[in-house]
């Protein structure tokens, strides 16, 4: 149940990242990359706080990031 909770929370974090990235569409690439790492750090910290296992946290973070990335890519193909 902890894995499912962390996965959902991290998907919410990635959605927030996409929203913030959309708001800052005129920013430089360096700042967008820096913002990505801030959100990645936040996702890892929250995941580790709930799961209490670094190995599982990194696995779930990679899983949530790949799920969200594939969903984002699929929506960009559908949307044009």
C-alpha atoms as a PDB file:
ATOM      1  CA  UNK A   1       0.000   0.000   0.000  1.00  0.00           C
ATOM      2  CA  UNK A   2       2.941   2.335   0.644  1.00  0.00           C
ATOM      3  CA  UNK A   3       4.210   1.836  -2.897  1.00  0.00           C
ATOM      4  CA  UNK A   4       0.827   2.788  -4.325  1.00  0.00           C
ATOM      5  CA  UNK A   5       0.634   5.881  -2.099  1.00  0.00           C
ATOM      6  CA  UNK A   6       4.120   7.030  -3.054  1.00  0.00           C
ATOM      7  CA  UNK A   7       3.420   6.367  -6.729  1.00  0.00           C
ATOM      8  CA  UNK A   8       0.282   8.517  -6.637  1.00  0.00           C
ATOM      9  CA  UNK A   9       2.009  11.316  -4.716  1.00  0.00           C
ATOM     10  CA  UNK A  10       4.893  11.325  -7.141  1.00  0.00           C
ATOM     11  CA  UNK A  11       2.563  11.446 -10.123  1.00  0.00           C
ATOM     12  CA  UNK A  12       0.970  14.498  -8.511  1.00  0.00           C
ATOM     13  CA  UNK A  13       4.457  16.000  -8.146  1.00  0.00           C
ATOM     14  CA  UNK A  14       5.234  15.365 -11.839  1.00  0.00           C
ATOM     15  CA  UNK A  15       1.928  16.949 -12.791  1.00  0.00           C
ATOM     16  CA  UNK A  16       2.888  19.981 -10.743  1.00  0.00           C
ATOM     17  CA  UNK A  17       6.240  20.063 -12.527  1.00  0.00           C
ATOM     18  CA  UNK A  18       4.516  20.082 -15.908  1.00  0.00           C
ATOM     19  CA  UNK A  19       2.214  22.884 -14.814  1.00  0.00           C
ATOM     20  CA  UNK A  20       5.117  24.990 -13.530  1.00  0.00           C
ATOM     21  CA  UNK A  21       7.085  24.262 -16.698  1.00  0.00           C
ATOM     22  CA  UNK A  22       4.116  25.419 -18.763  1.00  0.00           C
ATOM     23  CA  UNK A  23       3.963  28.638 -16.741  1.00  0.00           C
ATOM     24  CA  UNK A  24       7.670  29.254 -17.344  1.00  0.00           C
ATOM     25  CA  UNK A  25       7.703  28.511 -21.076  1.00  0.00           C
ATOM     26  CA  UNK A  26       9.920  31.538 -21.805  1.00  0.00           C
ATOM     27  CA  UNK A  27      12.614  30.604 -19.275  1.00  0.00           C
ATOM     28  CA  UNK A  28      16.019  29.357 -20.318  1.00  0.00           C
ATOM     29  CA  UNK A  29      16.683  25.627 -20.579  1.00  0.00           C
ATOM     30  CA  UNK A  30      19.151  25.754 -17.688  1.00  0.00           C
ATOM     31  CA  UNK A  31      16.443  26.954 -15.301  1.00  0.00           C
ATOM     32  CA  UNK A  32      14.014  24.281 -16.506  1.00  0.00           C
ATOM     33  CA  UNK A  33      16.619  21.575 -15.867  1.00  0.00           C
ATOM     34  CA  UNK A  34      17.332  23.016 -12.429  1.00  0.00           C
ATOM     35  CA  UNK A  35      13.596  23.058 -11.690  1.00  0.00           C
ATOM     36  CA  UNK A  36      13.355  19.397 -12.784  1.00  0.00           C
ATOM     37  CA  UNK A  37      16.039  18.426 -10.287  1.00  0.00           C
ATOM     38  CA  UNK A  38      14.247  20.336  -7.528  1.00  0.00           C
ATOM     39  CA  UNK A  39      11.049  18.394  -8.243  1.00  0.00           C
ATOM     40  CA  UNK A  40      13.022  15.132  -8.483  1.00  0.00           C
ATOM     41  CA  UNK A  41      14.589  15.829  -5.080  1.00  0.00           C
ATOM     42  CA  UNK A  42      11.157  16.595  -3.648  1.00  0.00           C
ATOM     43  CA  UNK A  43       9.747  13.337  -5.056  1.00  0.00           C
ATOM     44  CA  UNK A  44      12.622  11.324  -3.573  1.00  0.00           C
ATOM     45  CA  UNK A  45      12.381  12.979  -0.159  1.00  0.00           C
ATOM     46  CA  UNK A  46       8.617  12.429   0.083  1.00  0.00           C
ATOM     47  CA  UNK A  47       8.938   8.846  -1.151  1.00  0.00           C
ATOM     48  CA  UNK A  48      11.687   8.034   1.305  1.00  0.00           C
ATOM     49  CA  UNK A  49       9.755   9.626   4.163  1.00  0.00           C
ATOM     50  CA  UNK A  50       6.789   7.317   3.527  1.00  0.00           C
ATOM     51  CA  UNK A  51       8.553   4.100   2.495  1.00  0.00           C
ATOM     52  CA  UNK A  52      11.640   4.250   4.759  1.00  0.00           C
ATOM     53  CA  UNK A  53      13.721   2.410   2.145  1.00  0.00           C
ATOM     54  CA  UNK A  54      16.130   4.146  -0.206  1.00  0.00           C
ATOM     55  CA  UNK A  55      16.227   1.262  -2.695  1.00  0.00           C
ATOM     56  CA  UNK A  56      12.438   1.031  -2.982  1.00  0.00           C
ATOM     57  CA  UNK A  57      12.171   4.822  -3.130  1.00  0.00           C
ATOM     58  CA  UNK A  58      14.495   5.070  -6.115  1.00  0.00           C
ATOM     59  CA  UNK A  59      12.673   2.209  -7.852  1.00  0.00           C
ATOM     60  CA  UNK A  60       9.243   3.800  -7.339  1.00  0.00           C
ATOM     61  CA  UNK A  61      10.578   7.226  -8.368  1.00  0.00           C
ATOM     62  CA  UNK A  62      11.994   5.785 -11.587  1.00  0.00           C
ATOM     63  CA  UNK A  63       8.711   3.968 -12.178  1.00  0.00           C
ATOM     64  CA  UNK A  64       6.588   7.060 -11.603  1.00  0.00           C
ATOM     65  CA  UNK A  65       8.850   9.193 -13.769  1.00  0.00           C
ATOM     66  CA  UNK A  66       8.749   6.668 -16.609  1.00  0.00           C
ATOM     67  CA  UNK A  67       4.970   6.308 -16.340  1.00  0.00           C
ATOM     68  CA  UNK A  68       4.467  10.039 -16.372  1.00  0.00           C
ATOM     69  CA  UNK A  69       6.985  10.515 -19.187  1.00  0.00           C
ATOM     70  CA  UNK A  70       5.308   7.894 -21.361  1.00  0.00           C
ATOM     71  CA  UNK A  71       1.888   9.415 -20.656  1.00  0.00           C
ATOM     72  CA  UNK A  72       3.217  12.895 -21.479  1.00  0.00           C
ATOM     73  CA  UNK A  73       4.805  11.589 -24.706  1.00  0.00           C
ATOM     74  CA  UNK A  74       1.606   9.782 -25.727  1.00  0.00           C
ATOM     75  CA  UNK A  75      -0.499  12.884 -25.137  1.00  0.00           C
ATOM     76  CA  UNK A  76       1.923  14.988 -27.176  1.00  0.00           C
ATOM     77  CA  UNK A  77       1.579  12.529 -30.076  1.00  0.00           C
ATOM     78  CA  UNK A  78      -2.209  12.599 -29.886  1.00  0.00           C
ATOM     79  CA  UNK A  79      -2.411  16.357 -29.456  1.00  0.00           C
ATOM     80  CA  UNK A  80      -0.091  17.138 -32.327  1.00  0.00           C
END
